[in-house]
C-alpha atoms as a PDB file:
ATOM      1  CA  UNK A   1      36.403 -58.982  61.182  1.00  0.00           C
ATOM      2  CA  UNK A   2      39.193 -61.002  62.838  1.00  0.00           C
ATOM      3  CA  UNK A   3      36.699 -62.878  65.015  1.00  0.00           C
ATOM      4  CA  UNK A   4      34.003 -63.182  62.293  1.00  0.00           C
ATOM      5  CA  UNK A   5      31.417 -61.431  64.477  1.00  0.00           C
ATOM      6  CA  UNK A   6      28.589 -59.115  63.392  1.00  0.00           C
ATOM      7  CA  UNK A   7      26.959 -56.656  65.790  1.00  0.00           C
ATOM      8  CA  UNK A   8      23.581 -55.194  64.874  1.00  0.00           C
ATOM      9  CA  UNK A   9      21.596 -52.353  66.428  1.00  0.00           C
ATOM     10  CA  UNK A  10      18.123 -53.820  66.895  1.00  0.00           C
ATOM     11  CA  UNK A  11      15.684 -50.893  66.885  1.00  0.00           C
ATOM     12  CA  UNK A  12      12.655 -53.142  67.423  1.00  0.00           C
ATOM     13  CA  UNK A  13      13.796 -54.373  70.846  1.00  0.00           C
ATOM     14  CA  UNK A  14      16.331 -51.638  71.721  1.00  0.00           C
ATOM     15  CA  UNK A  15      19.275 -53.983  72.118  1.00  0.00           C
ATOM     16  CA  UNK A  16      22.500 -54.906  70.364  1.00  0.00           C
ATOM     17  CA  UNK A  17      22.482 -58.381  68.785  1.00  0.00           C
ATOM     18  CA  UNK A  18      25.654 -60.379  68.163  1.00  0.00           C
ATOM     19  CA  UNK A  19      26.134 -63.090  65.535  1.00  0.00           C
ATOM     20  CA  UNK A  20      29.163 -65.339  64.955  1.00  0.00           C
ATOM     21  CA  UNK A  21      30.464 -67.434  62.048  1.00  0.00           C
ATOM     22  CA  UNK A  22      29.205 -64.703  59.745  1.00  0.00           C
ATOM     23  CA  UNK A  23      31.451 -65.049  56.694  1.00  0.00           C
ATOM     24  CA  UNK A  24      31.887 -68.808  57.009  1.00  0.00           C
ATOM     25  CA  UNK A  25      28.151 -69.444  57.259  1.00  0.00           C
ATOM     26  CA  UNK A  26      27.191 -67.004  54.510  1.00  0.00           C
ATOM     27  CA  UNK A  27      29.767 -68.644  52.238  1.00  0.00           C
ATOM     28  CA  UNK A  28      28.024 -71.965  52.971  1.00  0.00           C
ATOM     29  CA  UNK A  29      24.546 -70.554  52.333  1.00  0.00           C
ATOM     30  CA  UNK A  30      23.390 -70.638  55.965  1.00  0.00           C
ATOM     31  CA  UNK A  31      22.610 -67.803  58.369  1.00  0.00           C
ATOM     32  CA  UNK A  32      25.113 -66.584  60.972  1.00  0.00           C
ATOM     33  CA  UNK A  33      24.734 -68.012  64.493  1.00  0.00           C
ATOM     34  CA  UNK A  34      23.016 -65.790  67.066  1.00  0.00           C
ATOM     35  CA  UNK A  35      25.220 -65.357  70.176  1.00  0.00           C
ATOM     36  CA  UNK A  36      23.652 -62.828  72.533  1.00  0.00           C
ATOM     37  CA  UNK A  37      21.726 -59.606  72.990  1.00  0.00           C
ATOM     38  CA  UNK A  38      22.718 -56.693  75.182  1.00  0.00           C
ATOM     39  CA  UNK A  39      20.562 -55.334  77.943  1.00  0.00           C
ATOM     40  CA  UNK A  40      18.132 -52.642  76.813  1.00  0.00           C
ATOM     41  CA  UNK A  41      19.743 -49.435  78.030  1.00  0.00           C
ATOM     42  CA  UNK A  42      18.597 -47.236  75.134  1.00  0.00           C
ATOM     43  CA  UNK A  43      15.584 -46.596  72.960  1.00  0.00           C
ATOM     44  CA  UNK A  44      15.363 -45.024  69.526  1.00  0.00           C
ATOM     45  CA  UNK A  45      18.925 -45.990  68.638  1.00  0.00           C
ATOM     46  CA  UNK A  46      20.281 -44.469  65.429  1.00  0.00           C
ATOM     47  CA  UNK A  47      23.702 -45.960  64.837  1.00  0.00           C
ATOM     48  CA  UNK A  48      26.614 -47.691  66.503  1.00  0.00           C
ATOM     49  CA  UNK A  49      30.343 -47.063  66.388  1.00  0.00           C
ATOM     50  CA  UNK A  50      32.923 -49.673  67.403  1.00  0.00           C
ATOM     51  CA  UNK A  51      36.514 -49.242  68.587  1.00  0.00           C
ATOM     52  CA  UNK A  52      38.335 -52.284  69.933  1.00  0.00           C
ATOM     53  CA  UNK A  53      35.879 -53.879  72.328  1.00  0.00           C
ATOM     54  CA  UNK A  54      33.963 -50.615  72.921  1.00  0.00           C
ATOM     55  CA  UNK A  55      30.612 -49.806  71.341  1.00  0.00           C
ATOM     56  CA  UNK A  56      28.794 -46.484  71.403  1.00  0.00           C
ATOM     57  CA  UNK A  57      25.077 -46.446  70.585  1.00  0.00           C
ATOM     58  CA  UNK A  58      23.623 -43.133  69.433  1.00  0.00           C
ATOM     59  CA  UNK A  59      20.235 -42.612  71.102  1.00  0.00           C
ATOM     60  CA  UNK A  60      17.952 -40.018  69.514  1.00  0.00           C
ATOM     61  CA  UNK A  61      15.560 -38.162  71.804  1.00  0.00           C
ATOM     62  CA  UNK A  62      12.001 -39.516  71.790  1.00  0.00           C
ATOM     63  CA  UNK A  63       9.095 -39.692  74.241  1.00  0.00           C
ATOM     64  CA  UNK A  64      10.013 -43.338  75.022  1.00  0.00           C
ATOM     65  CA  UNK A  65      13.393 -42.201  76.429  1.00  0.00           C
ATOM     66  CA  UNK A  66      12.170 -38.990  78.099  1.00  0.00           C
ATOM     67  CA  UNK A  67      13.423 -36.981  75.100  1.00  0.00           C
ATOM     68  CA  UNK A  68      17.076 -37.594  75.990  1.00  0.00           C
ATOM     69  CA  UNK A  69      19.831 -37.611  73.382  1.00  0.00           C
ATOM     70  CA  UNK A  70      22.596 -39.918  74.571  1.00  0.00           C
ATOM     71  CA  UNK A  71      25.671 -41.980  73.900  1.00  0.00           C
ATOM     72  CA  UNK A  72      25.172 -45.407  75.470  1.00  0.00           C
ATOM     73  CA  UNK A  73      28.455 -47.255  75.963  1.00  0.00           C
ATOM     74  CA  UNK A  74      28.992 -51.007  76.096  1.00  0.00           C
ATOM     75  CA  UNK A  75      31.979 -53.321  75.978  1.00  0.00           C
ATOM     76  CA  UNK A  76      31.819 -56.706  74.331  1.00  0.00           C
ATOM     77  CA  UNK A  77      33.573 -60.030  73.967  1.00  0.00           C
ATOM     78  CA  UNK A  78      32.787 -62.800  71.499  1.00  0.00           C
ATOM     79  CA  UNK A  79      30.152 -64.068  73.941  1.00  0.00           C
ATOM     80  CA  UNK A  80      28.194 -60.963  74.911  1.00  0.00           C
ATOM     81  CA  UNK A  81      27.875 -57.350  76.013  1.00  0.00           C
ATOM     82  CA  UNK A  82      28.330 -55.362  79.214  1.00  0.00           C
ATOM     83  CA  UNK A  83      26.614 -52.013  79.714  1.00  0.00           C
ATOM     84  CA  UNK A  84      29.083 -49.378  80.979  1.00  0.00           C
ATOM     85  CA  UNK A  85      27.485 -45.931  81.083  1.00  0.00           C
ATOM     86  CA  UNK A  86      25.386 -43.302  79.399  1.00  0.00           C
ATOM     87  CA  UNK A  87      26.791 -39.931  78.338  1.00  0.00           C
ATOM     88  CA  UNK A  88      24.596 -36.900  77.719  1.00  0.00           C
ATOM     89  CA  UNK A  89      25.830 -34.724  74.827  1.00  0.00           C
ATOM     90  CA  UNK A  90      22.980 -32.204  74.967  1.00  0.00           C
ATOM     91  CA  UNK A  91      22.591 -32.230  71.178  1.00  0.00           C
ATOM     92  CA  UNK A  92      20.667 -34.314  68.674  1.00  0.00           C
ATOM     93  CA  UNK A  93      22.988 -36.838  66.973  1.00  0.00           C
ATOM     94  CA  UNK A  94      22.706 -39.388  64.203  1.00  0.00           C
ATOM     95  CA  UNK A  95      25.750 -41.094  62.653  1.00  0.00           C
ATOM     96  CA  UNK A  96      29.083 -41.820  64.327  1.00  0.00           C
ATOM     97  CA  UNK A  97      32.486 -43.257  63.498  1.00  0.00           C
ATOM     98  CA  UNK A  98      35.459 -44.079  65.727  1.00  0.00           C
ATOM     99  CA  UNK A  99      39.132 -43.417  65.131  1.00  0.00           C
ATOM    100  CA  UNK A 100      40.748 -45.149  68.135  1.00  0.00           C
ATOM    101  CA  UNK A 101      39.368 -43.170  71.120  1.00  0.00           C
ATOM    102  CA  UNK A 102      38.094 -40.227  69.085  1.00  0.00           C
ATOM    103  CA  UNK A 103      34.439 -40.288  68.073  1.00  0.00           C
ATOM    104  CA  UNK A 104      33.341 -38.357  64.989  1.00  0.00           C
ATOM    105  CA  UNK A 105      29.572 -37.809  64.952  1.00  0.00           C
ATOM    106  CA  UNK A 106      27.034 -35.798  63.014  1.00  0.00           C
ATOM    107  CA  UNK A 107      24.740 -33.364  64.719  1.00  0.00           C
ATOM    108  CA  UNK A 108      21.297 -34.089  63.307  1.00  0.00           C
ATOM    109  CA  UNK A 109      19.213 -31.279  61.840  1.00  0.00           C
ATOM    110  CA  UNK A 110      22.402 -29.368  61.071  1.00  0.00           C
ATOM    111  CA  UNK A 111      25.460 -29.107  58.851  1.00  0.00           C
ATOM    112  CA  UNK A 112      27.850 -29.894  61.717  1.00  0.00           C
ATOM    113  CA  UNK A 113      30.313 -32.637  62.615  1.00  0.00           C
ATOM    114  CA  UNK A 114      31.156 -32.951  66.306  1.00  0.00           C
ATOM    115  CA  UNK A 115      34.330 -34.556  67.609  1.00  0.00           C
ATOM    116  CA  UNK A 116      34.766 -36.108  71.049  1.00  0.00           C
ATOM    117  CA  UNK A 117      38.326 -36.949  72.095  1.00  0.00           C
ATOM    118  CA  UNK A 118      38.810 -39.814  74.580  1.00  0.00           C
ATOM    119  CA  UNK A 119      35.057 -40.378  74.761  1.00  0.00           C
ATOM    120  CA  UNK A 120      35.439 -43.729  76.534  1.00  0.00           C
ATOM    121  CA  UNK A 121      36.891 -41.984  79.606  1.00  0.00           C
ATOM    122  CA  UNK A 122      34.237 -39.231  79.786  1.00  0.00           C
ATOM    123  CA  UNK A 123      31.343 -39.248  82.256  1.00  0.00           C
ATOM    124  CA  UNK A 124      27.994 -37.509  82.698  1.00  0.00           C
ATOM    125  CA  UNK A 125      27.049 -34.511  80.601  1.00  0.00           C
ATOM    126  CA  UNK A 126      29.611 -33.844  77.885  1.00  0.00           C
ATOM    127  CA  UNK A 127      30.326 -31.302  75.182  1.00  0.00           C
ATOM    128  CA  UNK A 128      32.147 -31.834  71.921  1.00  0.00           C
ATOM    129  CA  UNK A 129      35.860 -31.067  71.883  1.00  0.00           C
ATOM    130  CA  UNK A 130      35.413 -29.630  68.401  1.00  0.00           C
ATOM    131  CA  UNK A 131      32.434 -28.621  66.248  1.00  0.00           C
ATOM    132  CA  UNK A 132      32.906 -28.188  62.506  1.00  0.00           C
ATOM    133  CA  UNK A 133      30.324 -26.592  60.173  1.00  0.00           C
ATOM    134  CA  UNK A 134      30.270 -27.764  56.555  1.00  0.00           C
ATOM    135  CA  UNK A 135      29.178 -25.038  54.132  1.00  0.00           C
ATOM    136  CA  UNK A 136      26.668 -26.229  51.553  1.00  0.00           C
ATOM    137  CA  UNK A 137      25.532 -29.242  53.575  1.00  0.00           C
ATOM    138  CA  UNK A 138      21.782 -29.197  54.301  1.00  0.00           C
ATOM    139  CA  UNK A 139      21.188 -31.884  56.930  1.00  0.00           C
ATOM    140  CA  UNK A 140      23.698 -34.610  57.590  1.00  0.00           C
ATOM    141  CA  UNK A 141      22.959 -38.110  58.862  1.00  0.00           C
ATOM    142  CA  UNK A 142      25.761 -40.491  57.926  1.00  0.00           C
ATOM    143  CA  UNK A 143      29.490 -40.249  58.487  1.00  0.00           C
ATOM    144  CA  UNK A 144      32.484 -42.390  57.635  1.00  0.00           C
ATOM    145  CA  UNK A 145      36.015 -41.462  58.633  1.00  0.00           C
ATOM    146  CA  UNK A 146      39.166 -43.020  57.221  1.00  0.00           C
ATOM    147  CA  UNK A 147      42.407 -42.223  58.983  1.00  0.00           C
ATOM    148  CA  UNK A 148      44.258 -43.275  55.806  1.00  0.00           C
ATOM    149  CA  UNK A 149      44.187 -40.036  53.845  1.00  0.00           C
ATOM    150  CA  UNK A 150      42.217 -38.293  56.606  1.00  0.00           C
ATOM    151  CA  UNK A 151      38.967 -38.541  54.599  1.00  0.00           C
ATOM    152  CA  UNK A 152      35.443 -37.896  55.873  1.00  0.00           C
ATOM    153  CA  UNK A 153      32.373 -38.890  53.843  1.00  0.00           C
ATOM    154  CA  UNK A 154      29.068 -37.350  54.913  1.00  0.00           C
ATOM    155  CA  UNK A 155      25.580 -38.075  53.654  1.00  0.00           C
ATOM    156  CA  UNK A 156      23.334 -35.065  53.193  1.00  0.00           C
ATOM    157  CA  UNK A 157      19.592 -35.725  53.267  1.00  0.00           C
ATOM    158  CA  UNK A 158      18.869 -32.104  52.361  1.00  0.00           C
ATOM    159  CA  UNK A 159      15.204 -31.259  52.862  1.00  0.00           C
ATOM    160  CA  UNK A 160      13.466 -34.308  54.389  1.00  0.00           C
ATOM    161  CA  UNK A 161      10.334 -33.421  52.385  1.00  0.00           C
ATOM    162  CA  UNK A 162      12.100 -33.634  49.021  1.00  0.00           C
ATOM    163  CA  UNK A 163      13.114 -36.944  47.445  1.00  0.00           C
ATOM    164  CA  UNK A 164      15.898 -35.726  45.163  1.00  0.00           C
ATOM    165  CA  UNK A 165      18.045 -33.154  46.951  1.00  0.00           C
ATOM    166  CA  UNK A 166      20.405 -35.350  48.994  1.00  0.00           C
ATOM    167  CA  UNK A 167      23.972 -36.276  48.241  1.00  0.00           C
ATOM    168  CA  UNK A 168      27.432 -37.209  49.444  1.00  0.00           C
ATOM    169  CA  UNK A 169      30.109 -34.802  50.599  1.00  0.00           C
ATOM    170  CA  UNK A 170      33.681 -36.093  50.517  1.00  0.00           C
ATOM    171  CA  UNK A 171      36.263 -34.119  52.478  1.00  0.00           C
ATOM    172  CA  UNK A 172      39.929 -34.965  51.901  1.00  0.00           C
ATOM    173  CA  UNK A 173      42.479 -33.785  54.500  1.00  0.00           C
ATOM    174  CA  UNK A 174      39.648 -33.284  56.984  1.00  0.00           C
ATOM    175  CA  UNK A 175      41.766 -32.320  60.011  1.00  0.00           C
ATOM    176  CA  UNK A 176      43.614 -29.570  58.143  1.00  0.00           C
ATOM    177  CA  UNK A 177      40.430 -28.210  56.555  1.00  0.00           C
ATOM    178  CA  UNK A 178      38.584 -28.306  59.904  1.00  0.00           C
ATOM    179  CA  UNK A 179      41.298 -26.392  61.768  1.00  0.00           C
ATOM    180  CA  UNK A 180      39.171 -23.192  61.815  1.00  0.00           C
ATOM    181  CA  UNK A 181      35.911 -25.116  62.558  1.00  0.00           C
ATOM    182  CA  UNK A 182      34.455 -24.374  59.091  1.00  0.00           C
ATOM    183  CA  UNK A 183      34.802 -26.361  55.875  1.00  0.00           C
ATOM    184  CA  UNK A 184      33.723 -24.503  52.764  1.00  0.00           C
END
């Protein structure tokens, strides 16, 4: 926000795209200015999470990426991206949200939130530092975490074959409620 930059996960070309002068140009009725694209170090990206100048791309397993679930890490400046590394979580992920160096993510096809402390410093194959099951949640995809109030908002798609069974789950005081790894 401070630098008026927008970063977009481009699923068509498997890159991150950066735009500048976003608010100023939109306020003047013109499109933001394209700056740069990252290298293509992922395919089938699901979401990105940003902390400082670090970006984590969630890669969902698919034949195009040898069926590998991954976190693909980049750093960025206002002029472009640098690929850093790929981490292998061994589970299927979808949404993610940073709180400083802690990454909150949802395990796809489940009712679980996984938490990775100091993810930027990790290497290779990794496991979550904490896994939290949410009772009553069918299948989560999206996550938002707000340190103010310690609130987590999850989207529940429910049964992918039904159009009307999804919803939102809002968890206040998440850390306290997740202490025993189950939120009911």
